[in-house]
Amino acid sequence: NKIPVGGIVVTINTGDLMTKAVDFYSVQAFTLNPAFFQQANQLKRPVY
């Protein structure tokens, strides 16, 4: 648990990812949408 891990999201930003045991998200700028990073921020998961 000492190495933070993050899921890379490219073409679909889905709430299903919020159920995964990850510490942050890396999102392609082209597909970034408000709903995704608002949900991530509510879960206190950083978004790159």
All heavy atoms as atom14 arrays in JSON, in Angstrom:
{
  "sequence": "NKIPVGGIVVTINTGDLMTKAVDFYSVQAFTLNPAFFQQANQLKRPVY",
  "atom14_mask": [
    [1, 1, 1, 1, 1, 1, 1, 1, 0, 0, 0, 0, 0, 0],
    [1, 1, 1, 1, 1, 1, 1, 1, 1, 0, 0, 0, 0, 0],
    [1, 1, 1, 1, 1, 1, 1, 1, 0, 0, 0, 0, 0, 0],
    [1, 1, 1, 1, 1, 1, 1, 0, 0, 0, 0, 0, 0, 0],
    [1, 1, 1, 1, 1, 1, 1, 0, 0, 0, 0, 0, 0, 0],
    [1, 1, 1, 1, 0, 0, 0, 0, 0, 0, 0, 0, 0, 0],
    [1, 1, 1, 1, 0, 0, 0, 0, 0, 0, 0, 0, 0, 0],
    [1, 1, 1, 1, 1, 1, 1, 1, 0, 0, 0, 0, 0, 0],
    [1, 1, 1, 1, 1, 1, 1, 0, 0, 0, 0, 0, 0, 0],
    [1, 1, 1, 1, 1, 1, 1, 0, 0, 0, 0, 0, 0, 0],
    [1, 1, 1, 1, 1, 1, 1, 0, 0, 0, 0, 0, 0, 0],
    [1, 1, 1, 1, 1, 1, 1, 1, 0, 0, 0, 0, 0, 0],
    [1, 1, 1, 1, 1, 1, 1, 1, 0, 0, 0, 0, 0, 0],
    [1, 1, 1, 1, 1, 1, 1, 0, 0, 0, 0, 0, 0, 0],
    [1, 1, 1, 1, 0, 0, 0, 0, 0, 0, 0, 0, 0, 0],
    [1, 1, 1, 1, 1, 1, 1, 1, 0, 0, 0, 0, 0, 0],
    [1, 1, 1, 1, 1, 1, 1, 1, 0, 0, 0, 0, 0, 0],
    [1, 1, 1, 1, 1, 1, 1, 1, 0, 0, 0, 0, 0, 0],
    [1, 1, 1, 1, 1, 1, 1, 0, 0, 0, 0, 0, 0, 0],
    [1, 1, 1, 1, 1, 1, 1, 1, 1, 0, 0, 0, 0, 0],
    [1, 1, 1, 1, 1, 0, 0, 0, 0, 0, 0, 0, 0, 0],
    [1, 1, 1, 1, 1, 1, 1, 0, 0, 0, 0, 0, 0, 0],
    [1, 1, 1, 1, 1, 1, 1, 1, 0, 0, 0, 0, 0, 0],
    [1, 1, 1, 1, 1, 1, 1, 1, 1, 1, 1, 0, 0, 0],
    [1, 1, 1, 1, 1, 1, 1, 1, 1, 1, 1, 1, 0, 0],
    [1, 1, 1, 1, 1, 1, 0, 0, 0, 0, 0, 0, 0, 0],
    [1, 1, 1, 1, 1, 1, 1, 0, 0, 0, 0, 0, 0, 0],
    [1, 1, 1, 1, 1, 1, 1, 1, 1, 0, 0, 0, 0, 0],
    [1, 1, 1, 1, 1, 0, 0, 0, 0, 0, 0, 0, 0, 0],
    [1, 1, 1, 1, 1, 1, 1, 1, 1, 1, 1, 0, 0, 0],
    [1, 1, 1, 1, 1, 1, 1, 0, 0, 0, 0, 0, 0, 0],
    [1, 1, 1, 1, 1, 1, 1, 1, 0, 0, 0, 0, 0, 0],
    [1, 1, 1, 1, 1, 1, 1, 1, 0, 0, 0, 0, 0, 0],
    [1, 1, 1, 1, 1, 1, 1, 0, 0, 0, 0, 0, 0, 0],
    [1, 1, 1, 1, 1, 0, 0, 0, 0, 0, 0, 0, 0, 0],
    [1, 1, 1, 1, 1, 1, 1, 1, 1, 1, 1, 0, 0, 0],
    [1, 1, 1, 1, 1, 1, 1, 1, 1, 1, 1, 0, 0, 0],
    [1, 1, 1, 1, 1, 1, 1, 1, 1, 0, 0, 0, 0, 0],
    [1, 1, 1, 1, 1, 1, 1, 1, 1, 0, 0, 0, 0, 0],
    [1, 1, 1, 1, 1, 0, 0, 0, 0, 0, 0, 0, 0, 0],
    [1, 1, 1, 1, 1, 1, 1, 1, 0, 0, 0, 0, 0, 0],
    [1, 1, 1, 1, 1, 1, 1, 1, 1, 0, 0, 0, 0, 0],
    [1, 1, 1, 1, 1, 1, 1, 1, 0, 0, 0, 0, 0, 0],
    [1, 1, 1, 1, 1, 1, 1, 1, 1, 0, 0, 0, 0, 0],
    [1, 1, 1, 1, 1, 1, 1, 1, 1, 1, 1, 0, 0, 0],
    [1, 1, 1, 1, 1, 1, 1, 0, 0, 0, 0, 0, 0, 0],
    [1, 1, 1, 1, 1, 1, 1, 0, 0, 0, 0, 0, 0, 0],
    [1, 1, 1, 1, 1, 1, 1, 1, 1, 1, 1, 1, 0, 0]
  ],
  "atom14_positions": [
    [[0.82, -1.21, 0.0], [0.0, 0.0, 0.0], [0.86, 1.26, 0.0], [0.34, 2.37, 0.12], [-0.92, 0.01, 1.22], [-2.07, -0.97, 1.1], [-2.66, -1.1, 0.02], [-2.39, -1.66, 2.18], [0.0, 0.0, 0.0], [0.0, 0.0, 0.0], [0.0, 0.0, 0.0], [0.0, 0.0, 0.0], [0.0, 0.0, 0.0], [0.0, 0.0, 0.0]],
    [[2.15, 1.08, -0.13], [3.07, 2.2, -0.05], [3.41, 2.81, -1.42], [4.14, 3.79, -1.5], [4.34, 1.78, 0.67], [4.12, 1.42, 2.14], [5.41, 1.08, 2.84], [5.18, 0.76, 4.31], [6.45, 0.42, 5.02], [0.0, 0.0, 0.0], [0.0, 0.0, 0.0], [0.0, 0.0, 0.0], [0.0, 0.0, 0.0], [0.0, 0.0, 0.0]],
    [[2.91, 2.19, -2.48], [3.11, 2.74, -3.83], [1.73, 3.12, -4.38], [0.95, 2.24, -4.76], [3.8, 1.73, -4.77], [5.14, 1.28, -4.19], [3.98, 2.34, -6.16], [5.83, 0.21, -5.02], [0.0, 0.0, 0.0], [0.0, 0.0, 0.0], [0.0, 0.0, 0.0], [0.0, 0.0, 0.0], [0.0, 0.0, 0.0], [0.0, 0.0, 0.0]],
    [[1.38, 4.4, -4.42], [0.08, 4.8, -4.95], [-0.08, 4.41, -6.42], [0.87, 4.54, -7.2], [0.08, 6.33, -4.79], [1.09, 6.59, -3.73], [2.15, 5.55, -3.91], [0.0, 0.0, 0.0], [0.0, 0.0, 0.0], [0.0, 0.0, 0.0], [0.0, 0.0, 0.0], [0.0, 0.0, 0.0], [0.0, 0.0, 0.0], [0.0, 0.0, 0.0]],
    [[-1.25, 3.9, -6.79], [-1.5, 3.46, -8.16], [-2.69, 4.21, -8.72], [-3.62, 4.59, -8.0], [-1.74, 1.94, -8.24], [-0.53, 1.17, -7.75], [-2.99, 1.54, -7.46], [0.0, 0.0, 0.0], [0.0, 0.0, 0.0], [0.0, 0.0, 0.0], [0.0, 0.0, 0.0], [0.0, 0.0, 0.0], [0.0, 0.0, 0.0], [0.0, 0.0, 0.0]],
    [[-2.68, 4.42, -10.05], [-3.76, 5.15, -10.69], [-4.16, 4.53, -12.01], [-3.33, 3.98, -12.73], [0.0, 0.0, 0.0], [0.0, 0.0, 0.0], [0.0, 0.0, 0.0], [0.0, 0.0, 0.0], [0.0, 0.0, 0.0], [0.0, 0.0, 0.0], [0.0, 0.0, 0.0], [0.0, 0.0, 0.0], [0.0, 0.0, 0.0], [0.0, 0.0, 0.0]],
    [[-5.45, 4.62, -12.31], [-5.96, 4.11, -13.58], [-5.89, 5.18, -14.66], [-6.24, 6.33, -14.44], [0.0, 0.0, 0.0], [0.0, 0.0, 0.0], [0.0, 0.0, 0.0], [0.0, 0.0, 0.0], [0.0, 0.0, 0.0], [0.0, 0.0, 0.0], [0.0, 0.0, 0.0], [0.0, 0.0, 0.0], [0.0, 0.0, 0.0], [0.0, 0.0, 0.0]],
    [[-5.43, 4.77, -15.84], [-5.36, 5.68, -16.99], [-6.65, 5.56, -17.79], [-7.05, 4.47, -18.17], [-4.15, 5.36, -17.88], [-2.86, 5.55, -17.09], [-4.15, 6.24, -19.12], [-1.61, 5.25, -17.89], [0.0, 0.0, 0.0], [0.0, 0.0, 0.0], [0.0, 0.0, 0.0], [0.0, 0.0, 0.0], [0.0, 0.0, 0.0], [0.0, 0.0, 0.0]],
    [[-7.29, 6.69, -18.03], [-8.56, 6.71, -18.74], [-8.38, 7.47, -20.04], [-7.89, 8.59, -20.06], [-9.65, 7.4, -17.89], [-11.01, 7.25, -18.56], [-9.69, 6.79, -16.49], [0.0, 0.0, 0.0], [0.0, 0.0, 0.0], [0.0, 0.0, 0.0], [0.0, 0.0, 0.0], [0.0, 0.0, 0.0], [0.0, 0.0, 0.0], [0.0, 0.0, 0.0]],
    [[-8.8, 6.83, -21.15], [-8.6, 7.46, -22.45], [-9.93, 7.82, -23.1], [-10.27, 8.99, -23.23], [-7.79, 6.55, -23.39], [-7.6, 7.22, -24.75], [-6.43, 6.25, -22.79], [0.0, 0.0, 0.0], [0.0, 0.0, 0.0], [0.0, 0.0, 0.0], [0.0, 0.0, 0.0], [0.0, 0.0, 0.0], [0.0, 0.0, 0.0], [0.0, 0.0, 0.0]],
    [[-10.71, 6.83, -23.5], [-11.85, 7.12, -24.35], [-13.18, 7.11, -23.65], [-14.17, 7.54, -24.2], [-11.93, 6.09, -25.5], [-11.92, 4.77, -24.91], [-10.76, 6.22, -26.42], [0.0, 0.0, 0.0], [0.0, 0.0, 0.0], [0.0, 0.0, 0.0], [0.0, 0.0, 0.0], [0.0, 0.0, 0.0], [0.0, 0.0, 0.0], [0.0, 0.0, 0.0]],
    [[-13.24, 6.59, -22.43], [-14.51, 6.6, -21.72], [-14.25, 6.85, -20.24], [-13.44, 6.19, -19.62], [-15.28, 5.27, -21.93], [-16.63, 5.33, -21.23], [-14.48, 4.07, -21.48], [-17.56, 4.19, -21.61], [0.0, 0.0, 0.0], [0.0, 0.0, 0.0], [0.0, 0.0, 0.0], [0.0, 0.0, 0.0], [0.0, 0.0, 0.0], [0.0, 0.0, 0.0]],
    [[-14.91, 7.86, -19.7], [-14.77, 8.2, -18.29], [-16.02, 7.69, -17.59], [-17.08, 8.28, -17.7], [-14.64, 9.71, -18.11], [-13.44, 10.25, -18.84], [-12.48, 9.53, -19.06], [-13.48, 11.52, -19.21], [0.0, 0.0, 0.0], [0.0, 0.0, 0.0], [0.0, 0.0, 0.0], [0.0, 0.0, 0.0], [0.0, 0.0, 0.0], [0.0, 0.0, 0.0]],
    [[-15.92, 6.6, -16.89], [-17.1, 5.95, -16.37], [-17.07, 5.83, -14.86], [-16.02, 5.6, -14.27], [-17.28, 4.56, -17.0], [-18.29, 3.85, -16.28], [-16.0, 3.75, -16.94], [0.0, 0.0, 0.0], [0.0, 0.0, 0.0], [0.0, 0.0, 0.0], [0.0, 0.0, 0.0], [0.0, 0.0, 0.0], [0.0, 0.0, 0.0], [0.0, 0.0, 0.0]],
    [[-18.25, 5.97, -14.24], [-18.37, 5.85, -12.8], [-17.94, 4.5, -12.29], [-17.63, 4.34, -11.11], [0.0, 0.0, 0.0], [0.0, 0.0, 0.0], [0.0, 0.0, 0.0], [0.0, 0.0, 0.0], [0.0, 0.0, 0.0], [0.0, 0.0, 0.0], [0.0, 0.0, 0.0], [0.0, 0.0, 0.0], [0.0, 0.0, 0.0], [0.0, 0.0, 0.0]],
    [[-17.92, 3.48, -13.17], [-17.49, 2.15, -12.75], [-16.05, 2.17, -12.26], [-15.66, 1.39, -11.4], [-17.63, 1.18, -13.92], [-17.4, -0.27, -13.51], [-18.05, -0.74, -12.56], [-16.53, -0.9, -14.11], [0.0, 0.0, 0.0], [0.0, 0.0, 0.0], [0.0, 0.0, 0.0], [0.0, 0.0, 0.0], [0.0, 0.0, 0.0], [0.0, 0.0, 0.0]],
    [[-15.24, 3.08, -12.79], [-13.86, 3.19, -12.35], [-13.78, 3.64, -10.89], [-12.79, 3.38, -10.21], [-13.09, 4.19, -13.22], [-12.58, 3.67, -14.56], [-11.97, 4.8, -15.34], [-11.59, 2.55, -14.37], [0.0, 0.0, 0.0], [0.0, 0.0, 0.0], [0.0, 0.0, 0.0], [0.0, 0.0, 0.0], [0.0, 0.0, 0.0], [0.0, 0.0, 0.0]],
    [[-14.8, 4.34, -10.43], [-14.79, 4.83, -9.06], [-14.84, 3.68, -8.05], [-14.53, 3.85, -6.88], [-15.96, 5.79, -8.81], [-15.95, 7.01, -9.7], [-14.46, 8.01, -9.52], [-14.59, 9.1, -10.93], [0.0, 0.0, 0.0], [0.0, 0.0, 0.0], [0.0, 0.0, 0.0], [0.0, 0.0, 0.0], [0.0, 0.0, 0.0], [0.0, 0.0, 0.0]],
    [[-15.28, 2.51, -8.51], [-15.36, 1.35, -7.61], [-14.04, 0.6, -7.54], [-13.89, -0.3, -6.72], [-16.46, 0.38, -8.08], [-16.09, -0.18, -9.36], [-17.79, 1.11, -8.22], [0.0, 0.0, 0.0], [0.0, 0.0, 0.0], [0.0, 0.0, 0.0], [0.0, 0.0, 0.0], [0.0, 0.0, 0.0], [0.0, 0.0, 0.0], [0.0, 0.0, 0.0]],
    [[-13.09, 0.93, -8.4], [-11.81, 0.23, -8.43], [-10.9, 0.74, -7.31], [-10.95, 1.9, -6.93], [-11.13, 0.4, -9.79], [-11.99, 0.01, -10.98], [-12.42, -1.44, -10.93], [-13.26, -1.8, -12.16], [-13.76, -3.18, -12.09], [0.0, 0.0, 0.0], [0.0, 0.0, 0.0], [0.0, 0.0, 0.0], [0.0, 0.0, 0.0], [0.0, 0.0, 0.0]],
    [[-10.05, -0.15, -6.83], [-9.13, 0.19, -5.73], [-7.91, 0.91, -6.28], [-6.81, 0.36, -6.35], [-8.73, -1.06, -4.97], [0.0, 0.0, 0.0], [0.0, 0.0, 0.0], [0.0, 0.0, 0.0], [0.0, 0.0, 0.0], [0.0, 0.0, 0.0], [0.0, 0.0, 0.0], [0.0, 0.0, 0.0], [0.0, 0.0, 0.0], [0.0, 0.0, 0.0]],
    [[-8.1, 2.16, -6.71], [-6.99, 2.98, -7.19], [-6.91, 4.23, -6.34], [-7.87, 4.61, -5.66], [-7.15, 3.34, -8.69], [-7.14, 2.1, -9.56], [-8.43, 4.14, -8.92], [0.0, 0.0, 0.0], [0.0, 0.0, 0.0], [0.0, 0.0, 0.0], [0.0, 0.0, 0.0], [0.0, 0.0, 0.0], [0.0, 0.0, 0.0], [0.0, 0.0, 0.0]],
    [[-5.76, 4.88, -6.39], [-5.52, 6.06, -5.56], [-5.68, 7.37, -6.32], [-5.84, 8.44, -5.72], [-4.12, 6.0, -4.95], [-3.93, 4.73, -4.12], [-4.69, 4.55, -3.16], [-3.03, 3.94, -4.44], [0.0, 0.0, 0.0], [0.0, 0.0, 0.0], [0.0, 0.0, 0.0], [0.0, 0.0, 0.0], [0.0, 0.0, 0.0], [0.0, 0.0, 0.0]],
    [[-5.57, 7.31, -7.65], [-5.71, 8.52, -8.48], [-6.06, 8.11, -9.89], [-6.11, 6.92, -10.22], [-4.41, 9.35, -8.45], [-3.22, 8.66, -9.08], [-2.92, 8.84, -10.42], [-2.4, 7.83, -8.32], [-1.82, 8.21, -11.0], [-1.31, 7.2, -8.89], [-1.03, 7.39, -10.23], [0.0, 0.0, 0.0], [0.0, 0.0, 0.0], [0.0, 0.0, 0.0]],
    [[-6.33, 9.1, -10.75], [-6.66, 8.84, -12.15], [-5.78, 9.7, -13.05], [-5.46, 10.85, -12.71], [-8.13, 9.17, -12.44], [-9.09, 8.37, -11.6], [-9.7, 8.94, -10.48], [-9.38, 7.05, -11.9], [-10.56, 8.22, -9.69], [-10.26, 6.31, -11.12], [-10.84, 6.91, -10.01], [-11.69, 6.18, -9.22], [0.0, 0.0, 0.0], [0.0, 0.0, 0.0]],
    [[-5.43, 9.15, -14.19], [-4.75, 9.9, -15.25], [-5.69, 9.91, -16.45], [-5.98, 8.86, -17.02], [-3.41, 9.24, -15.62], [-2.56, 9.19, -14.5], [0.0, 0.0, 0.0], [0.0, 0.0, 0.0], [0.0, 0.0, 0.0], [0.0, 0.0, 0.0], [0.0, 0.0, 0.0], [0.0, 0.0, 0.0], [0.0, 0.0, 0.0], [0.0, 0.0, 0.0]],
    [[-6.17, 11.08, -16.8], [-7.23, 11.2, -17.79], [-6.74, 11.93, -19.03], [-6.08, 12.97, -18.92], [-8.44, 11.96, -17.19], [-9.61, 11.98, -18.17], [-8.86, 11.34, -15.87], [0.0, 0.0, 0.0], [0.0, 0.0, 0.0], [0.0, 0.0, 0.0], [0.0, 0.0, 0.0], [0.0, 0.0, 0.0], [0.0, 0.0, 0.0], [0.0, 0.0, 0.0]],
    [[-7.06, 11.41, -20.19], [-6.7, 12.09, -21.42], [-7.47, 13.4, -21.52], [-8.69, 13.44, -21.31], [-7.01, 11.22, -22.63], [-6.44, 11.79, -23.93], [-6.82, 10.97, -25.12], [-7.96, 10.55, -25.24], [-5.88, 10.73, -26.01], [0.0, 0.0, 0.0], [0.0, 0.0, 0.0], [0.0, 0.0, 0.0], [0.0, 0.0, 0.0], [0.0, 0.0, 0.0]],
    [[-6.77, 14.48, -21.8], [-7.39, 15.81, -21.82], [-8.57, 15.88, -22.77], [-9.58, 16.53, -22.49], [-6.34, 16.86, -22.2], [0.0, 0.0, 0.0], [0.0, 0.0, 0.0], [0.0, 0.0, 0.0], [0.0, 0.0, 0.0], [0.0, 0.0, 0.0], [0.0, 0.0, 0.0], [0.0, 0.0, 0.0], [0.0, 0.0, 0.0], [0.0, 0.0, 0.0]],
    [[-8.49, 15.16, -23.88], [-9.55, 15.19, -24.9], [-10.88, 14.7, -24.34], [-11.94, 15.15, -24.76], [-9.12, 14.33, -26.09], [-10.12, 14.26, -27.2], [-10.26, 15.31, -28.09], [-10.92, 13.15, -27.35], [-11.18, 15.27, -29.12], [-11.86, 13.08, -28.38], [-11.98, 14.14, -29.27], [0.0, 0.0, 0.0], [0.0, 0.0, 0.0], [0.0, 0.0, 0.0]],
    [[-10.84, 13.75, -23.39], [-12.07, 13.15, -22.9], [-12.44, 13.6, -21.5], [-13.39, 13.09, -20.92], [-11.96, 11.62, -22.91], [-10.87, 11.22, -22.06], [-11.72, 11.09, -24.31], [0.0, 0.0, 0.0], [0.0, 0.0, 0.0], [0.0, 0.0, 0.0], [0.0, 0.0, 0.0], [0.0, 0.0, 0.0], [0.0, 0.0, 0.0], [0.0, 0.0, 0.0]],
    [[-11.72, 14.56, -20.94], [-12.03, 15.04, -19.6], [-13.42, 15.68, -19.58], [-13.77, 16.45, -20.47], [-10.99, 16.07, -19.16], [-11.17, 16.63, -17.75], [-10.91, 15.55, -16.72], [-10.24, 17.81, -17.53], [0.0, 0.0, 0.0], [0.0, 0.0, 0.0], [0.0, 0.0, 0.0], [0.0, 0.0, 0.0], [0.0, 0.0, 0.0], [0.0, 0.0, 0.0]],
    [[-14.23, 15.32, -18.6], [-15.53, 15.96, -18.45], [-15.77, 16.29, -16.99], [-15.21, 15.66, -16.09], [-16.65, 15.09, -19.03], [-16.85, 13.81, -18.24], [-17.31, 13.82, -17.1], [-16.5, 12.68, -18.85], [0.0, 0.0, 0.0], [0.0, 0.0, 0.0], [0.0, 0.0, 0.0], [0.0, 0.0, 0.0], [0.0, 0.0, 0.0], [0.0, 0.0, 0.0]],
    [[-16.6, 17.31, -16.72], [-16.81, 17.77, -15.34], [-17.28, 16.68, -14.41], [-16.85, 16.61, -13.26], [-17.87, 18.87, -15.5], [-17.71, 19.35, -16.9], [-17.3, 18.15, -17.69], [0.0, 0.0, 0.0], [0.0, 0.0, 0.0], [0.0, 0.0, 0.0], [0.0, 0.0, 0.0], [0.0, 0.0, 0.0], [0.0, 0.0, 0.0], [0.0, 0.0, 0.0]],
    [[-18.17, 15.8, -14.89], [-18.71, 14.76, -14.01], [-17.62, 13.86, -13.47], [-17.64, 13.48, -12.3], [-19.75, 13.93, -14.78], [0.0, 0.0, 0.0], [0.0, 0.0, 0.0], [0.0, 0.0, 0.0], [0.0, 0.0, 0.0], [0.0, 0.0, 0.0], [0.0, 0.0, 0.0], [0.0, 0.0, 0.0], [0.0, 0.0, 0.0], [0.0, 0.0, 0.0]],
    [[-16.66, 13.53, -14.33], [-15.62, 12.6, -13.9], [-14.75, 13.2, -12.8], [-14.55, 12.59, -11.75], [-14.74, 12.21, -15.1], [-13.68, 11.21, -14.73], [-13.96, 9.87, -14.69], [-12.41, 11.63, -14.41], [-12.98, 8.95, -14.34], [-11.43, 10.73, -14.05], [-11.72, 9.38, -14.02], [0.0, 0.0, 0.0], [0.0, 0.0, 0.0], [0.0, 0.0, 0.0]],
    [[-14.22, 14.41, -13.04], [-13.31, 14.9, -12.01], [-14.05, 15.39, -10.76], [-13.48, 15.43, -9.67], [-12.33, 15.95, -12.54], [-12.92, 17.19, -13.12], [-13.57, 18.12, -12.34], [-12.75, 17.48, -14.47], [-14.07, 19.29, -12.87], [-13.26, 18.65, -15.01], [-13.92, 19.56, -14.2], [0.0, 0.0, 0.0], [0.0, 0.0, 0.0], [0.0, 0.0, 0.0]],
    [[-15.34, 15.7, -10.89], [-16.1, 16.04, -9.69], [-16.3, 14.8, -8.82], [-16.16, 14.85, -7.59], [-17.45, 16.65, -10.07], [-17.34, 18.09, -10.56], [-18.63, 18.65, -11.06], [-19.7, 18.15, -10.72], [-18.57, 19.68, -11.89], [0.0, 0.0, 0.0], [0.0, 0.0, 0.0], [0.0, 0.0, 0.0], [0.0, 0.0, 0.0], [0.0, 0.0, 0.0]],
    [[-16.6, 13.65, -9.46], [-16.74, 12.41, -8.69], [-15.41, 12.03, -8.06], [-15.35, 11.62, -6.89], [-17.22, 11.28, -9.6], [-18.69, 11.37, -9.96], [-19.19, 10.11, -10.62], [-18.54, 9.08, -10.58], [-20.34, 10.19, -11.26], [0.0, 0.0, 0.0], [0.0, 0.0, 0.0], [0.0, 0.0, 0.0], [0.0, 0.0, 0.0], [0.0, 0.0, 0.0]],
    [[-14.33, 12.16, -8.83], [-13.0, 11.81, -8.3], [-12.63, 12.71, -7.12], [-12.1, 12.23, -6.11], [-11.96, 11.92, -9.41], [0.0, 0.0, 0.0], [0.0, 0.0, 0.0], [0.0, 0.0, 0.0], [0.0, 0.0, 0.0], [0.0, 0.0, 0.0], [0.0, 0.0, 0.0], [0.0, 0.0, 0.0], [0.0, 0.0, 0.0], [0.0, 0.0, 0.0]],
    [[-12.92, 13.99, -7.24], [-12.6, 14.92, -6.16], [-13.43, 14.64, -4.91], [-12.95, 14.81, -3.78], [-12.8, 16.37, -6.63], [-11.73, 16.8, -7.62], [-10.71, 16.13, -7.76], [-11.97, 17.89, -8.31], [0.0, 0.0, 0.0], [0.0, 0.0, 0.0], [0.0, 0.0, 0.0], [0.0, 0.0, 0.0], [0.0, 0.0, 0.0], [0.0, 0.0, 0.0]],
    [[-14.68, 14.23, -5.09], [-15.51, 13.87, -3.95], [-14.94, 12.66, -3.22], [-15.07, 12.53, -2.0], [-16.95, 13.59, -4.4], [-17.71, 14.85, -4.77], [-19.04, 14.56, -5.44], [-19.49, 13.41, -5.46], [-19.66, 15.57, -6.0], [0.0, 0.0, 0.0], [0.0, 0.0, 0.0], [0.0, 0.0, 0.0], [0.0, 0.0, 0.0], [0.0, 0.0, 0.0]],
    [[-14.29, 11.75, -3.97], [-13.65, 10.58, -3.36], [-12.23, 10.89, -2.91], [-11.52, 10.0, -2.46], [-13.63, 9.43, -4.38], [-15.0, 8.83, -4.73], [-14.88, 7.87, -5.9], [-15.61, 8.13, -3.53], [0.0, 0.0, 0.0], [0.0, 0.0, 0.0], [0.0, 0.0, 0.0], [0.0, 0.0, 0.0], [0.0, 0.0, 0.0], [0.0, 0.0, 0.0]],
    [[-11.84, 12.16, -3.07], [-10.49, 12.62, -2.69], [-9.4, 11.84, -3.42], [-8.36, 11.5, -2.86], [-10.3, 12.52, -1.17], [-11.31, 13.34, -0.37], [-10.97, 13.4, 1.09], [-12.05, 14.13, 1.89], [-12.39, 15.46, 1.36], [0.0, 0.0, 0.0], [0.0, 0.0, 0.0], [0.0, 0.0, 0.0], [0.0, 0.0, 0.0], [0.0, 0.0, 0.0]],
    [[-9.66, 11.58, -4.7], [-8.68, 10.93, -5.55], [-8.14, 11.96, -6.55], [-8.91, 12.55, -7.32], [-9.28, 9.75, -6.31], [-9.67, 8.59, -5.39], [-10.33, 7.47, -6.14], [-10.71, 6.39, -5.24], [-11.45, 5.34, -5.6], [-11.88, 5.24, -6.85], [-11.74, 4.4, -4.73], [0.0, 0.0, 0.0], [0.0, 0.0, 0.0], [0.0, 0.0, 0.0]],
    [[-6.86, 12.21, -6.55], [-6.27, 13.19, -7.47], [-6.55, 12.82, -8.93], [-6.68, 11.64, -9.28], [-4.77, 13.12, -7.16], [-4.7, 12.57, -5.77], [-5.84, 11.63, -5.64], [0.0, 0.0, 0.0], [0.0, 0.0, 0.0], [0.0, 0.0, 0.0], [0.0, 0.0, 0.0], [0.0, 0.0, 0.0], [0.0, 0.0, 0.0], [0.0, 0.0, 0.0]],
    [[-6.63, 13.83, -9.78], [-6.82, 13.64, -11.22], [-5.69, 14.35, -11.95], [-5.51, 15.56, -11.81], [-8.18, 14.21, -11.69], [-8.3, 14.13, -13.21], [-9.33, 13.47, -11.02], [0.0, 0.0, 0.0], [0.0, 0.0, 0.0], [0.0, 0.0, 0.0], [0.0, 0.0, 0.0], [0.0, 0.0, 0.0], [0.0, 0.0, 0.0], [0.0, 0.0, 0.0]],
    [[-4.93, 13.57, -12.71], [-3.87, 14.12, -13.57], [-4.35, 14.05, -15.01], [-5.01, 13.09, -15.41], [-2.58, 13.32, -13.4], [-2.02, 13.34, -12.0], [-2.27, 12.29, -11.11], [-1.27, 14.42, -11.55], [-1.78, 12.32, -9.81], [-0.78, 14.46, -10.25], [-1.04, 13.4, -9.39], [-0.56, 13.44, -8.11], [0.0, 0.0, 0.0], [0.0, 0.0, 0.0]]
  ]
}
